[in-house]
Amino acid sequence: MARNQSLYLQNDTVQMDEEGLFAEAKQFHDLKRARYRELQKVLIQVLMTAMAQNIKRIIKQLLDICRYLVVPAKRWGTL
């Protein structure tokens, strides 16, 4: 029973993460409604939105890494 429960909790966590990504796309990237009506154009809109989300996450991680590397150096007066 414990194994089934842990699998359920893992699936629930993944589902919450996915729902958060869709909510972000819907709220901040205007994905509430499709801008275009053809399937290929809607696919392009969805892929461009996903790329924008990924680029934002990459930039955030790079900035976090830069802060981690630069702040201690400033503290010790090496920069």
PDB file of N, CA and C in Angstrom:
ATOM      1  N   MET A   1       0.820  -1.198   0.000  1.00  0.00           N
ATOM      2  CA  MET A   1       0.000   0.000   0.000  1.00  0.00           C
ATOM      3  C   MET A   1       0.866   1.264   0.000  1.00  0.00           C
ATOM      4  N   ALA A   2       1.962   1.235   0.733  1.00  0.00           N
ATOM      5  CA  ALA A   2       2.818   2.417   0.818  1.00  0.00           C
ATOM      6  C   ALA A   2       3.433   2.737  -0.541  1.00  0.00           C
ATOM      7  N   ARG A   3       3.782   1.692  -1.281  1.00  0.00           N
ATOM      8  CA  ARG A   3       4.375   1.929  -2.599  1.00  0.00           C
ATOM      9  C   ARG A   3       3.378   2.600  -3.528  1.00  0.00           C
ATOM     10  N   ASN A   4       2.132   2.140  -3.522  1.00  0.00           N
ATOM     11  CA  ASN A   4       1.103   2.742  -4.358  1.00  0.00           C
ATOM     12  C   ASN A   4       0.859   4.193  -3.959  1.00  0.00           C
ATOM     13  N   GLN A   5       0.905   4.452  -2.665  1.00  0.00           N
ATOM     14  CA  GLN A   5       0.683   5.810  -2.192  1.00  0.00           C
ATOM     15  C   GLN A   5       1.831   6.727  -2.627  1.00  0.00           C
ATOM     16  N   SER A   6       3.068   6.230  -2.558  1.00  0.00           N
ATOM     17  CA  SER A   6       4.201   7.061  -2.966  1.00  0.00           C
ATOM     18  C   SER A   6       4.147   7.345  -4.469  1.00  0.00           C
ATOM     19  N   LEU A   7       3.732   6.360  -5.269  1.00  0.00           N
ATOM     20  CA  LEU A   7       3.583   6.597  -6.706  1.00  0.00           C
ATOM     21  C   LEU A   7       2.494   7.621  -6.972  1.00  0.00           C
ATOM     22  N   TYR A   8       1.429   7.543  -6.191  1.00  0.00           N
ATOM     23  CA  TYR A   8       0.340   8.512  -6.339  1.00  0.00           C
ATOM     24  C   TYR A   8       0.839   9.913  -6.015  1.00  0.00           C
ATOM     25  N   LEU A   9       1.610  10.059  -4.947  1.00  0.00           N
ATOM     26  CA  LEU A   9       2.117  11.372  -4.562  1.00  0.00           C
ATOM     27  C   LEU A   9       3.091  11.910  -5.612  1.00  0.00           C
ATOM     28  N   GLN A  10       3.917  11.031  -6.190  1.00  0.00           N
ATOM     29  CA  GLN A  10       4.829  11.471  -7.248  1.00  0.00           C
ATOM     30  C   GLN A  10       4.048  11.952  -8.461  1.00  0.00           C
ATOM     31  N   ASN A  11       3.038  11.196  -8.853  1.00  0.00           N
ATOM     32  CA  ASN A  11       2.224  11.589 -10.002  1.00  0.00           C
ATOM     33  C   ASN A  11       1.497  12.898  -9.720  1.00  0.00           C
ATOM     34  N   ASP A  12       1.029  13.074  -8.499  1.00  0.00           N
ATOM     35  CA  ASP A  12       0.322  14.286  -8.120  1.00  0.00           C
ATOM     36  C   ASP A  12       1.254  15.483  -8.186  1.00  0.00           C
ATOM     37  N   THR A  13       2.505  15.321  -7.757  1.00  0.00           N
ATOM     38  CA  THR A  13       3.476  16.409  -7.804  1.00  0.00           C
ATOM     39  C   THR A  13       3.789  16.789  -9.243  1.00  0.00           C
ATOM     40  N   VAL A  14       3.972  15.802 -10.101  1.00  0.00           N
ATOM     41  CA  VAL A  14       4.239  16.078 -11.519  1.00  0.00           C
ATOM     42  C   VAL A  14       3.049  16.795 -12.136  1.00  0.00           C
ATOM     43  N   GLN A  15       1.863  16.367 -11.798  1.00  0.00           N
ATOM     44  CA  GLN A  15       0.669  16.995 -12.356  1.00  0.00           C
ATOM     45  C   GLN A  15       0.569  18.447 -11.894  1.00  0.00           C
ATOM     46  N   MET A  16       0.893  18.722 -10.632  1.00  0.00           N
ATOM     47  CA  MET A  16       0.854  20.090 -10.143  1.00  0.00           C
ATOM     48  C   MET A  16       1.875  20.956 -10.867  1.00  0.00           C
ATOM     49  N   ASP A  17       3.073  20.418 -11.126  1.00  0.00           N
ATOM     50  CA  ASP A  17       4.093  21.162 -11.862  1.00  0.00           C
ATOM     51  C   ASP A  17       3.616  21.487 -13.272  1.00  0.00           C
ATOM     52  N   GLU A  18       3.022  20.507 -13.937  1.00  0.00           N
ATOM     53  CA  GLU A  18       2.533  20.720 -15.296  1.00  0.00           C
ATOM     54  C   GLU A  18       1.409  21.742 -15.305  1.00  0.00           C
ATOM     55  N   GLU A  19       0.514  21.663 -14.340  1.00  0.00           N
ATOM     56  CA  GLU A  19      -0.583  22.620 -14.281  1.00  0.00           C
ATOM     57  C   GLU A  19      -0.057  24.025 -14.051  1.00  0.00           C
ATOM     58  N   GLY A  20       1.011  24.140 -13.275  1.00  0.00           N
ATOM     59  CA  GLY A  20       1.611  25.449 -13.044  1.00  0.00           C
ATOM     60  C   GLY A  20       2.181  26.033 -14.318  1.00  0.00           C
ATOM     61  N   LEU A  21       2.785  25.194 -15.147  1.00  0.00           N
ATOM     62  CA  LEU A  21       3.328  25.672 -16.420  1.00  0.00           C
ATOM     63  C   LEU A  21       2.217  26.136 -17.351  1.00  0.00           C
ATOM     64  N   PHE A  22       1.119  25.383 -17.387  1.00  0.00           N
ATOM     65  CA  PHE A  22       0.001  25.792 -18.225  1.00  0.00           C
ATOM     66  C   PHE A  22      -0.628  27.079 -17.701  1.00  0.00           C
ATOM     67  N   ALA A  23      -0.712  27.204 -16.384  1.00  0.00           N
ATOM     68  CA  ALA A  23      -1.272  28.424 -15.795  1.00  0.00           C
ATOM     69  C   ALA A  23      -0.402  29.628 -16.137  1.00  0.00           C
ATOM     70  N   GLU A  24       0.919  29.449 -16.085  1.00  0.00           N
ATOM     71  CA  GLU A  24       1.823  30.542 -16.452  1.00  0.00           C
ATOM     72  C   GLU A  24       1.646  30.927 -17.919  1.00  0.00           C
ATOM     73  N   ALA A  25       1.549  29.936 -18.778  1.00  0.00           N
ATOM     74  CA  ALA A  25       1.368  30.205 -20.208  1.00  0.00           C
ATOM     75  C   ALA A  25       0.050  30.932 -20.448  1.00  0.00           C
ATOM     76  N   LYS A  26      -0.946  30.520 -19.743  1.00  0.00           N
ATOM     77  CA  LYS A  26      -2.264  31.117 -19.916  1.00  0.00           C
ATOM     78  C   LYS A  26      -2.295  32.545 -19.380  1.00  0.00           C
ATOM     79  N   GLN A  27      -1.673  32.749 -18.223  1.00  0.00           N
ATOM     80  CA  GLN A  27      -1.763  34.035 -17.556  1.00  0.00           C
ATOM     81  C   GLN A  27      -0.810  35.074 -18.137  1.00  0.00           C
ATOM     82  N   PHE A  28       0.426  34.684 -18.386  1.00  0.00           N
ATOM     83  CA  PHE A  28       1.445  35.658 -18.748  1.00  0.00           C
ATOM     84  C   PHE A  28       1.829  35.658 -20.220  1.00  0.00           C
ATOM     85  N   HIS A  29       1.426  34.632 -20.957  1.00  0.00           N
ATOM     86  CA  HIS A  29       1.846  34.540 -22.360  1.00  0.00           C
ATOM     87  C   HIS A  29       0.654  34.470 -23.317  1.00  0.00           C
ATOM     88  N   ASP A  30      -0.497  34.903 -22.844  1.00  0.00           N
ATOM     89  CA  ASP A  30      -1.684  35.047 -23.691  1.00  0.00           C
ATOM     90  C   ASP A  30      -2.063  33.751 -24.413  1.00  0.00           C
ATOM     91  N   LEU A  31      -2.068  32.657 -23.676  1.00  0.00           N
ATOM     92  CA  LEU A  31      -2.429  31.376 -24.277  1.00  0.00           C
ATOM     93  C   LEU A  31      -3.841  30.944 -23.859  1.00  0.00           C
ATOM     94  N   LYS A  32      -4.653  31.907 -23.425  1.00  0.00           N
ATOM     95  CA  LYS A  32      -6.033  31.585 -23.050  1.00  0.00           C
ATOM     96  C   LYS A  32      -6.816  31.086 -24.263  1.00  0.00           C
ATOM     97  N   ARG A  33      -6.594  31.770 -25.366  1.00  0.00           N
ATOM     98  CA  ARG A  33      -7.265  31.396 -26.605  1.00  0.00           C
ATOM     99  C   ARG A  33      -6.225  31.352 -27.717  1.00  0.00           C
ATOM    100  N   ALA A  34      -6.476  30.514 -28.659  1.00  0.00           N
ATOM    101  CA  ALA A  34      -5.567  30.440 -29.800  1.00  0.00           C
ATOM    102  C   ALA A  34      -5.734  31.701 -30.645  1.00  0.00           C
ATOM    103  N   ARG A  35      -4.639  32.260 -31.034  1.00  0.00           N
ATOM    104  CA  ARG A  35      -4.680  33.476 -31.841  1.00  0.00           C
ATOM    105  C   ARG A  35      -5.051  33.142 -33.289  1.00  0.00           C
ATOM    106  N   TYR A  36      -4.675  31.948 -33.713  1.00  0.00           N
ATOM    107  CA  TYR A  36      -4.907  31.539 -35.093  1.00  0.00           C
ATOM    108  C   TYR A  36      -5.829  30.328 -35.105  1.00  0.00           C
ATOM    109  N   ARG A  37      -6.364  29.984 -36.248  1.00  0.00           N
ATOM    110  CA  ARG A  37      -7.355  28.916 -36.320  1.00  0.00           C
ATOM    111  C   ARG A  37      -6.858  27.636 -36.976  1.00  0.00           C
ATOM    112  N   GLU A  38      -5.772  27.658 -37.658  1.00  0.00           N
ATOM    113  CA  GLU A  38      -5.272  26.432 -38.277  1.00  0.00           C
ATOM    114  C   GLU A  38      -4.406  25.669 -37.286  1.00  0.00           C
ATOM    115  N   LEU A  39      -4.428  24.365 -37.368  1.00  0.00           N
ATOM    116  CA  LEU A  39      -3.710  23.527 -36.410  1.00  0.00           C
ATOM    117  C   LEU A  39      -2.210  23.822 -36.413  1.00  0.00           C
ATOM    118  N   GLN A  40      -1.631  23.988 -37.585  1.00  0.00           N
ATOM    119  CA  GLN A  40      -0.188  24.266 -37.657  1.00  0.00           C
ATOM    120  C   GLN A  40       0.148  25.601 -37.009  1.00  0.00           C
ATOM    121  N   LYS A  41      -0.695  26.595 -37.198  1.00  0.00           N
ATOM    122  CA  LYS A  41      -0.441  27.905 -36.611  1.00  0.00           C
ATOM    123  C   LYS A  41      -0.613  27.881 -35.100  1.00  0.00           C
ATOM    124  N   VAL A  42      -1.588  27.132 -34.621  1.00  0.00           N
ATOM    125  CA  VAL A  42      -1.776  27.000 -33.178  1.00  0.00           C
ATOM    126  C   VAL A  42      -0.579  26.265 -32.575  1.00  0.00           C
ATOM    127  N   LEU A  43      -0.091  25.251 -33.260  1.00  0.00           N
ATOM    128  CA  LEU A  43       1.087  24.524 -32.788  1.00  0.00           C
ATOM    129  C   LEU A  43       2.290  25.455 -32.700  1.00  0.00           C
ATOM    130  N   ILE A  44       2.464  26.314 -33.686  1.00  0.00           N
ATOM    131  CA  ILE A  44       3.564  27.275 -33.653  1.00  0.00           C
ATOM    132  C   ILE A  44       3.403  28.215 -32.456  1.00  0.00           C
ATOM    133  N   GLN A  45       2.181  28.677 -32.195  1.00  0.00           N
ATOM    134  CA  GLN A  45       1.943  29.562 -31.061  1.00  0.00           C
ATOM    135  C   GLN A  45       2.292  28.863 -29.742  1.00  0.00           C
ATOM    136  N   VAL A  46       1.890  27.627 -29.606  1.00  0.00           N
ATOM    137  CA  VAL A  46       2.163  26.883 -28.372  1.00  0.00           C
ATOM    138  C   VAL A  46       3.666  26.646 -28.206  1.00  0.00           C
ATOM    139  N   LEU A  47       4.341  26.277 -29.290  1.00  0.00           N
ATOM    140  CA  LEU A  47       5.786  26.036 -29.212  1.00  0.00           C
ATOM    141  C   LEU A  47       6.561  27.317 -28.907  1.00  0.00           C
ATOM    142  N   MET A  48       6.149  28.427 -29.487  1.00  0.00           N
ATOM    143  CA  MET A  48       6.813  29.704 -29.205  1.00  0.00           C
ATOM    144  C   MET A  48       6.612  30.102 -27.744  1.00  0.00           C
ATOM    145  N   THR A  49       5.425  29.846 -27.213  1.00  0.00           N
ATOM    146  CA  THR A  49       5.165  30.137 -25.807  1.00  0.00           C
ATOM    147  C   THR A  49       6.041  29.272 -24.913  1.00  0.00           C
ATOM    148  N   ALA A  50       6.162  27.999 -25.249  1.00  0.00           N
ATOM    149  CA  ALA A  50       7.013  27.100 -24.467  1.00  0.00           C
ATOM    150  C   ALA A  50       8.478  27.537 -24.533  1.00  0.00           C
ATOM    151  N   MET A  51       8.921  27.985 -25.711  1.00  0.00           N
ATOM    152  CA  MET A  51      10.298  28.467 -25.826  1.00  0.00           C
ATOM    153  C   MET A  51      10.512  29.703 -24.962  1.00  0.00           C
ATOM    154  N   ALA A  52       9.539  30.593 -24.934  1.00  0.00           N
ATOM    155  CA  ALA A  52       9.652  31.794 -24.106  1.00  0.00           C
ATOM    156  C   ALA A  52       9.750  31.425 -22.629  1.00  0.00           C
ATOM    157  N   GLN A  53       8.935  30.459 -22.202  1.00  0.00           N
ATOM    158  CA  GLN A  53       8.997  30.010 -20.809  1.00  0.00           C
ATOM    159  C   GLN A  53      10.363  29.402 -20.499  1.00  0.00           C
ATOM    160  N   ASN A  54      10.885  28.597 -21.398  1.00  0.00           N
ATOM    161  CA  ASN A  54      12.185  27.964 -21.170  1.00  0.00           C
ATOM    162  C   ASN A  54      13.309  28.985 -21.141  1.00  0.00           C
ATOM    163  N   ILE A  55      13.244  29.984 -22.036  1.00  0.00           N
ATOM    164  CA  ILE A  55      14.274  31.022 -22.051  1.00  0.00           C
ATOM    165  C   ILE A  55      14.248  31.803 -20.743  1.00  0.00           C
ATOM    166  N   LYS A  56      13.054  32.107 -20.234  1.00  0.00           N
ATOM    167  CA  LYS A  56      12.958  32.804 -18.950  1.00  0.00           C
ATOM    168  C   LYS A  56      13.597  31.985 -17.829  1.00  0.00           C
ATOM    169  N   ARG A  57      13.368  30.687 -17.829  1.00  0.00           N
ATOM    170  CA  ARG A  57      13.942  29.832 -16.784  1.00  0.00           C
ATOM    171  C   ARG A  57      15.467  29.745 -16.916  1.00  0.00           C
ATOM    172  N   ILE A  58      15.969  29.665 -18.137  1.00  0.00           N
ATOM    173  CA  ILE A  58      17.420  29.609 -18.358  1.00  0.00           C
ATOM    174  C   ILE A  58      18.073  30.904 -17.877  1.00  0.00           C
ATOM    175  N   ILE A  59      17.484  32.036 -18.224  1.00  0.00           N
ATOM    176  CA  ILE A  59      18.039  33.322 -17.789  1.00  0.00           C
ATOM    177  C   ILE A  59      18.042  33.417 -16.279  1.00  0.00           C
ATOM    178  N   LYS A  60      16.960  32.975 -15.644  1.00  0.00           N
ATOM    179  CA  LYS A  60      16.894  33.020 -14.182  1.00  0.00           C
ATOM    180  C   LYS A  60      17.991  32.158 -13.564  1.00  0.00           C
ATOM    181  N   GLN A  61      18.216  30.973 -14.096  1.00  0.00           N
ATOM    182  CA  GLN A  61      19.269  30.105 -13.567  1.00  0.00           C
ATOM    183  C   GLN A  61      20.649  30.711 -13.781  1.00  0.00           C
ATOM    184  N   LEU A  62      20.883  31.307 -14.946  1.00  0.00           N
ATOM    185  CA  LEU A  62      22.179  31.943 -15.197  1.00  0.00           C
ATOM    186  C   LEU A  62      22.415  33.120 -14.260  1.00  0.00           C
ATOM    187  N   LEU A  63      21.381  33.902 -14.009  1.00  0.00           N
ATOM    188  CA  LEU A  63      21.523  35.020 -13.075  1.00  0.00           C
ATOM    189  C   LEU A  63      21.799  34.523 -11.657  1.00  0.00           C
ATOM    190  N   ASP A  64      21.138  33.439 -11.271  1.00  0.00           N
ATOM    191  CA  ASP A  64      21.395  32.870  -9.944  1.00  0.00           C
ATOM    192  C   ASP A  64      22.844  32.392  -9.828  1.00  0.00           C
ATOM    193  N   ILE A  65      23.352  31.768 -10.886  1.00  0.00           N
ATOM    194  CA  ILE A  65      24.744  31.301 -10.878  1.00  0.00           C
ATOM    195  C   ILE A  65      25.693  32.486 -10.791  1.00  0.00           C
ATOM    196  N   CYS A  66      25.413  33.549 -11.568  1.00  0.00           N
ATOM    197  CA  CYS A  66      26.270  34.735 -11.532  1.00  0.00           C
ATOM    198  C   CYS A  66      26.264  35.374 -10.148  1.00  0.00           C
ATOM    199  N   ARG A  67      25.098  35.452  -9.525  1.00  0.00           N
ATOM    200  CA  ARG A  67      25.023  36.017  -8.172  1.00  0.00           C
ATOM    201  C   ARG A  67      25.814  35.164  -7.192  1.00  0.00           C
ATOM    202  N   TYR A  68      25.733  33.874  -7.348  1.00  0.00           N
ATOM    203  CA  TYR A  68      26.449  32.968  -6.452  1.00  0.00           C
ATOM    204  C   TYR A  68      27.959  33.143  -6.605  1.00  0.00           C
ATOM    205  N   LEU A  69      28.426  33.366  -7.826  1.00  0.00           N
ATOM    206  CA  LEU A  69      29.867  33.486  -8.066  1.00  0.00           C
ATOM    207  C   LEU A  69      30.398  34.879  -7.748  1.00  0.00           C
ATOM    208  N   VAL A  70      29.622  35.916  -7.996  1.00  0.00           N
ATOM    209  CA  VAL A  70      30.102  37.283  -7.864  1.00  0.00           C
ATOM    210  C   VAL A  70      29.992  37.796  -6.436  1.00  0.00           C
ATOM    211  N   VAL A  71      28.925  37.517  -5.741  1.00  0.00           N
ATOM    212  CA  VAL A  71      28.726  38.084  -4.408  1.00  0.00           C
ATOM    213  C   VAL A  71      29.822  37.675  -3.439  1.00  0.00           C
ATOM    214  N   PRO A  72      30.216  36.407  -3.334  1.00  0.00           N
ATOM    215  CA  PRO A  72      31.297  36.084  -2.398  1.00  0.00           C
ATOM    216  C   PRO A  72      32.605  36.761  -2.776  1.00  0.00           C
ATOM    217  N   ALA A  73      32.892  36.935  -4.063  1.00  0.00           N
ATOM    218  CA  ALA A  73      34.128  37.590  -4.480  1.00  0.00           C
ATOM    219  C   ALA A  73      34.135  39.036  -4.039  1.00  0.00           C
ATOM    220  N   LYS A  74      33.015  39.726  -4.133  1.00  0.00           N
ATOM    221  CA  LYS A  74      32.936  41.115  -3.694  1.00  0.00           C
ATOM    222  C   LYS A  74      33.110  41.206  -2.182  1.00  0.00           C
ATOM    223  N   ARG A  75      32.567  40.243  -1.483  1.00  0.00           N
ATOM    224  CA  ARG A  75      32.630  40.254  -0.032  1.00  0.00           C
ATOM    225  C   ARG A  75      34.073  40.179   0.438  1.00  0.00           C
ATOM    226  N   TRP A  76      34.905  39.454  -0.276  1.00  0.00           N
ATOM    227  CA  TRP A  76      36.309  39.291   0.137  1.00  0.00           C
ATOM    228  C   TRP A  76      37.212  40.329  -0.510  1.00  0.00           C
ATOM    229  N   GLY A  77      36.659  41.217  -1.303  1.00  0.00           N
ATOM    230  CA  GLY A  77      37.440  42.305  -1.871  1.00  0.00           C
ATOM    231  C   GLY A  77      38.332  41.914  -3.017  1.00  0.00           C
ATOM    232  N   THR A  78      38.040  40.807  -3.685  1.00  0.00           N
ATOM    233  CA  THR A  78      38.891  40.390  -4.789  1.00  0.00           C
ATOM    234  C   THR A  78      38.464  41.011  -6.109  1.00  0.00           C
ATOM    235  N   LEU A  79      37.285  41.609  -6.153  1.00  0.00           N
ATOM    236  CA  LEU A  79      36.851  42.255  -7.402  1.00  0.00           C
ATOM    237  C   LEU A  79      36.874  43.740  -7.269  1.00  0.00           C
TER     238      LEU A  79
END
